[in-house]
Amino acid sequence: MVMEVRPLAEITTEALKVLYKEIGIVNTVRFINQFTTGYGDYTQERELLFVDMTLDSIVSEIERKRRPSRPVRKEAKSRRLHKSRSAERATATPPFRPSGRT
């Protein structure tokens, strides 16, 4: 069996169409991104970025950003949820009920 050699661009286009059709555009992009090479010199950029920071200060900053800005009390969360549900009911379209049939 003899197979014709197709141009790589044609194969790539066909493969992308298959991926998009099978797993969707978002997952196709995520899949492709794992094979793309970045650019720049991260070692040099890292040294400039963290020049005045210690490991402890970096860890502290990460922990600070992971904490919620202010804790939400359970009662306040419950009240907000109740208000939003009340608003949804007030603006909701009534259910369809065919006339003349029971």
C-alpha atoms as a PDB file:
ATOM      1  CA  MET A   1       0.000   0.000   0.000  1.00  0.00           C
ATOM      2  CA  VAL A   2       1.426   3.358  -1.065  1.00  0.00           C
ATOM      3  CA  MET A   3       0.428   6.443   0.915  1.00  0.00           C
ATOM      4  CA  GLU A   4       0.851   9.901  -0.457  1.00  0.00           C
ATOM      5  CA  VAL A   5       2.910  12.271   1.623  1.00  0.00           C
ATOM      6  CA  ARG A   6       0.723  15.230   2.516  1.00  0.00           C
ATOM      7  CA  PRO A   7       2.018  18.626   3.568  1.00  0.00           C
ATOM      8  CA  LEU A   8       2.364  19.050   7.320  1.00  0.00           C
ATOM      9  CA  ALA A   9       0.137  22.154   7.288  1.00  0.00           C
ATOM     10  CA  GLU A  10      -2.683  20.107   5.755  1.00  0.00           C
ATOM     11  CA  ILE A  11      -2.293  17.352   8.344  1.00  0.00           C
ATOM     12  CA  THR A  12      -2.252  19.919  11.158  1.00  0.00           C
ATOM     13  CA  THR A  13      -5.422  21.596   9.884  1.00  0.00           C
ATOM     14  CA  GLU A  14      -7.234  18.267   9.619  1.00  0.00           C
ATOM     15  CA  ALA A  15      -6.071  17.198  13.086  1.00  0.00           C
ATOM     16  CA  LEU A  16      -7.248  20.468  14.639  1.00  0.00           C
ATOM     17  CA  LYS A  17     -10.662  20.060  13.014  1.00  0.00           C
ATOM     18  CA  VAL A  18     -10.964  16.533  14.417  1.00  0.00           C
ATOM     19  CA  LEU A  19      -9.922  17.678  17.902  1.00  0.00           C
ATOM     20  CA  TYR A  20     -12.318  20.632  17.824  1.00  0.00           C
ATOM     21  CA  LYS A  21     -15.181  18.401  16.717  1.00  0.00           C
ATOM     22  CA  GLU A  22     -14.479  15.720  19.322  1.00  0.00           C
ATOM     23  CA  ILE A  23     -13.444  17.700  22.422  1.00  0.00           C
ATOM     24  CA  GLY A  24     -14.498  21.295  21.722  1.00  0.00           C
ATOM     25  CA  ILE A  25     -12.557  24.472  21.096  1.00  0.00           C
ATOM     26  CA  VAL A  26     -11.566  25.168  24.714  1.00  0.00           C
ATOM     27  CA  ASN A  27     -10.119  21.719  25.330  1.00  0.00           C
ATOM     28  CA  THR A  28      -8.432  21.756  21.919  1.00  0.00           C
ATOM     29  CA  VAL A  29      -6.669  25.007  22.808  1.00  0.00           C
ATOM     30  CA  ARG A  30      -5.703  23.650  26.230  1.00  0.00           C
ATOM     31  CA  PHE A  31      -4.316  20.514  24.591  1.00  0.00           C
ATOM     32  CA  ILE A  32      -2.294  22.429  21.994  1.00  0.00           C
ATOM     33  CA  ASN A  33      -0.919  24.887  24.577  1.00  0.00           C
ATOM     34  CA  GLN A  34       0.930  22.134  26.385  1.00  0.00           C
ATOM     35  CA  PHE A  35       3.153  21.705  23.324  1.00  0.00           C
ATOM     36  CA  THR A  36       3.927  25.364  22.655  1.00  0.00           C
ATOM     37  CA  THR A  37       7.243  26.755  23.778  1.00  0.00           C
ATOM     38  CA  GLY A  38       7.387  29.924  25.800  1.00  0.00           C
ATOM     39  CA  TYR A  39       9.808  32.721  25.128  1.00  0.00           C
ATOM     40  CA  GLY A  40      12.208  34.869  27.089  1.00  0.00           C
ATOM     41  CA  ASP A  41      14.717  34.000  29.785  1.00  0.00           C
ATOM     42  CA  TYR A  42      12.755  33.058  32.904  1.00  0.00           C
ATOM     43  CA  THR A  43      15.894  32.691  35.008  1.00  0.00           C
ATOM     44  CA  GLN A  44      16.865  36.288  34.341  1.00  0.00           C
ATOM     45  CA  GLU A  45      13.276  37.550  34.753  1.00  0.00           C
ATOM     46  CA  ARG A  46      12.887  35.656  38.037  1.00  0.00           C
ATOM     47  CA  GLU A  47      16.051  37.199  39.446  1.00  0.00           C
ATOM     48  CA  LEU A  48      14.777  40.688  38.589  1.00  0.00           C
ATOM     49  CA  LEU A  49      11.267  39.987  39.847  1.00  0.00           C
ATOM     50  CA  PHE A  50      12.300  38.630  43.237  1.00  0.00           C
ATOM     51  CA  VAL A  51      15.498  40.640  43.770  1.00  0.00           C
ATOM     52  CA  ASP A  52      14.481  42.108  47.163  1.00  0.00           C
ATOM     53  CA  MET A  53      12.448  39.160  48.417  1.00  0.00           C
ATOM     54  CA  THR A  54      13.332  36.239  50.653  1.00  0.00           C
ATOM     55  CA  LEU A  55      11.730  32.821  50.393  1.00  0.00           C
ATOM     56  CA  ASP A  56       9.794  33.550  53.596  1.00  0.00           C
ATOM     57  CA  SER A  57       8.399  36.801  52.201  1.00  0.00           C
ATOM     58  CA  ILE A  58       7.332  35.056  48.981  1.00  0.00           C
ATOM     59  CA  VAL A  59       5.572  32.294  50.929  1.00  0.00           C
ATOM     60  CA  SER A  60       3.885  34.892  53.186  1.00  0.00           C
ATOM     61  CA  GLU A  61       2.631  36.795  50.138  1.00  0.00           C
ATOM     62  CA  ILE A  62       1.205  33.621  48.603  1.00  0.00           C
ATOM     63  CA  GLU A  63      -0.543  32.720  51.854  1.00  0.00           C
ATOM     64  CA  ARG A  64      -1.919  36.257  52.213  1.00  0.00           C
ATOM     65  CA  LYS A  65      -3.386  36.174  48.699  1.00  0.00           C
ATOM     66  CA  ARG A  66      -4.956  32.762  49.249  1.00  0.00           C
ATOM     67  CA  ARG A  67      -6.881  33.969  52.319  1.00  0.00           C
ATOM     68  CA  PRO A  68     -10.337  35.381  51.695  1.00  0.00           C
ATOM     69  CA  SER A  69     -10.315  39.158  52.053  1.00  0.00           C
ATOM     70  CA  ARG A  70     -13.002  39.035  54.731  1.00  0.00           C
ATOM     71  CA  PRO A  71     -14.801  36.048  56.130  1.00  0.00           C
ATOM     72  CA  VAL A  72     -18.454  35.638  55.196  1.00  0.00           C
ATOM     73  CA  ARG A  73     -20.700  34.858  58.124  1.00  0.00           C
ATOM     74  CA  LYS A  74     -23.087  31.980  57.602  1.00  0.00           C
ATOM     75  CA  GLU A  75     -26.153  34.134  58.416  1.00  0.00           C
ATOM     76  CA  ALA A  76     -25.170  36.873  55.949  1.00  0.00           C
ATOM     77  CA  LYS A  77     -24.617  34.311  53.209  1.00  0.00           C
ATOM     78  CA  SER A  78     -28.026  32.776  53.936  1.00  0.00           C
ATOM     79  CA  ARG A  79     -29.734  36.202  53.764  1.00  0.00           C
ATOM     80  CA  ARG A  80     -28.077  37.028  50.423  1.00  0.00           C
ATOM     81  CA  LEU A  81     -29.145  33.664  49.017  1.00  0.00           C
ATOM     82  CA  HIS A  82     -32.745  34.215  50.207  1.00  0.00           C
ATOM     83  CA  LYS A  83     -32.831  37.722  48.657  1.00  0.00           C
ATOM     84  CA  SER A  84     -31.497  36.492  45.316  1.00  0.00           C
ATOM     85  CA  ARG A  85     -34.040  33.670  45.187  1.00  0.00           C
ATOM     86  CA  SER A  86     -36.863  36.116  45.993  1.00  0.00           C
ATOM     87  CA  ALA A  87     -35.701  38.357  43.160  1.00  0.00           C
ATOM     88  CA  GLU A  88     -35.590  35.400  40.763  1.00  0.00           C
ATOM     89  CA  ARG A  89     -39.162  34.429  41.654  1.00  0.00           C
ATOM     90  CA  ALA A  90     -40.383  38.011  41.190  1.00  0.00           C
ATOM     91  CA  THR A  91     -38.937  38.217  37.662  1.00  0.00           C
ATOM     92  CA  ALA A  92     -39.553  34.608  36.614  1.00  0.00           C
ATOM     93  CA  THR A  93     -41.949  33.789  33.796  1.00  0.00           C
ATOM     94  CA  PRO A  94     -44.971  31.821  35.028  1.00  0.00           C
ATOM     95  CA  PRO A  95     -45.031  28.182  33.929  1.00  0.00           C
ATOM     96  CA  PHE A  96     -46.857  27.335  30.700  1.00  0.00           C
ATOM     97  CA  ARG A  97     -50.316  25.888  31.291  1.00  0.00           C
ATOM     98  CA  PRO A  98     -52.291  24.907  28.182  1.00  0.00           C
ATOM     99  CA  SER A  99     -55.860  26.090  28.327  1.00  0.00           C
ATOM    100  CA  GLY A 100     -58.742  23.634  28.021  1.00  0.00           C
ATOM    101  CA  ARG A 101     -56.667  20.593  29.022  1.00  0.00           C
ATOM    102  CA  THR A 102     -56.264  19.096  32.421  1.00  0.00           C
END
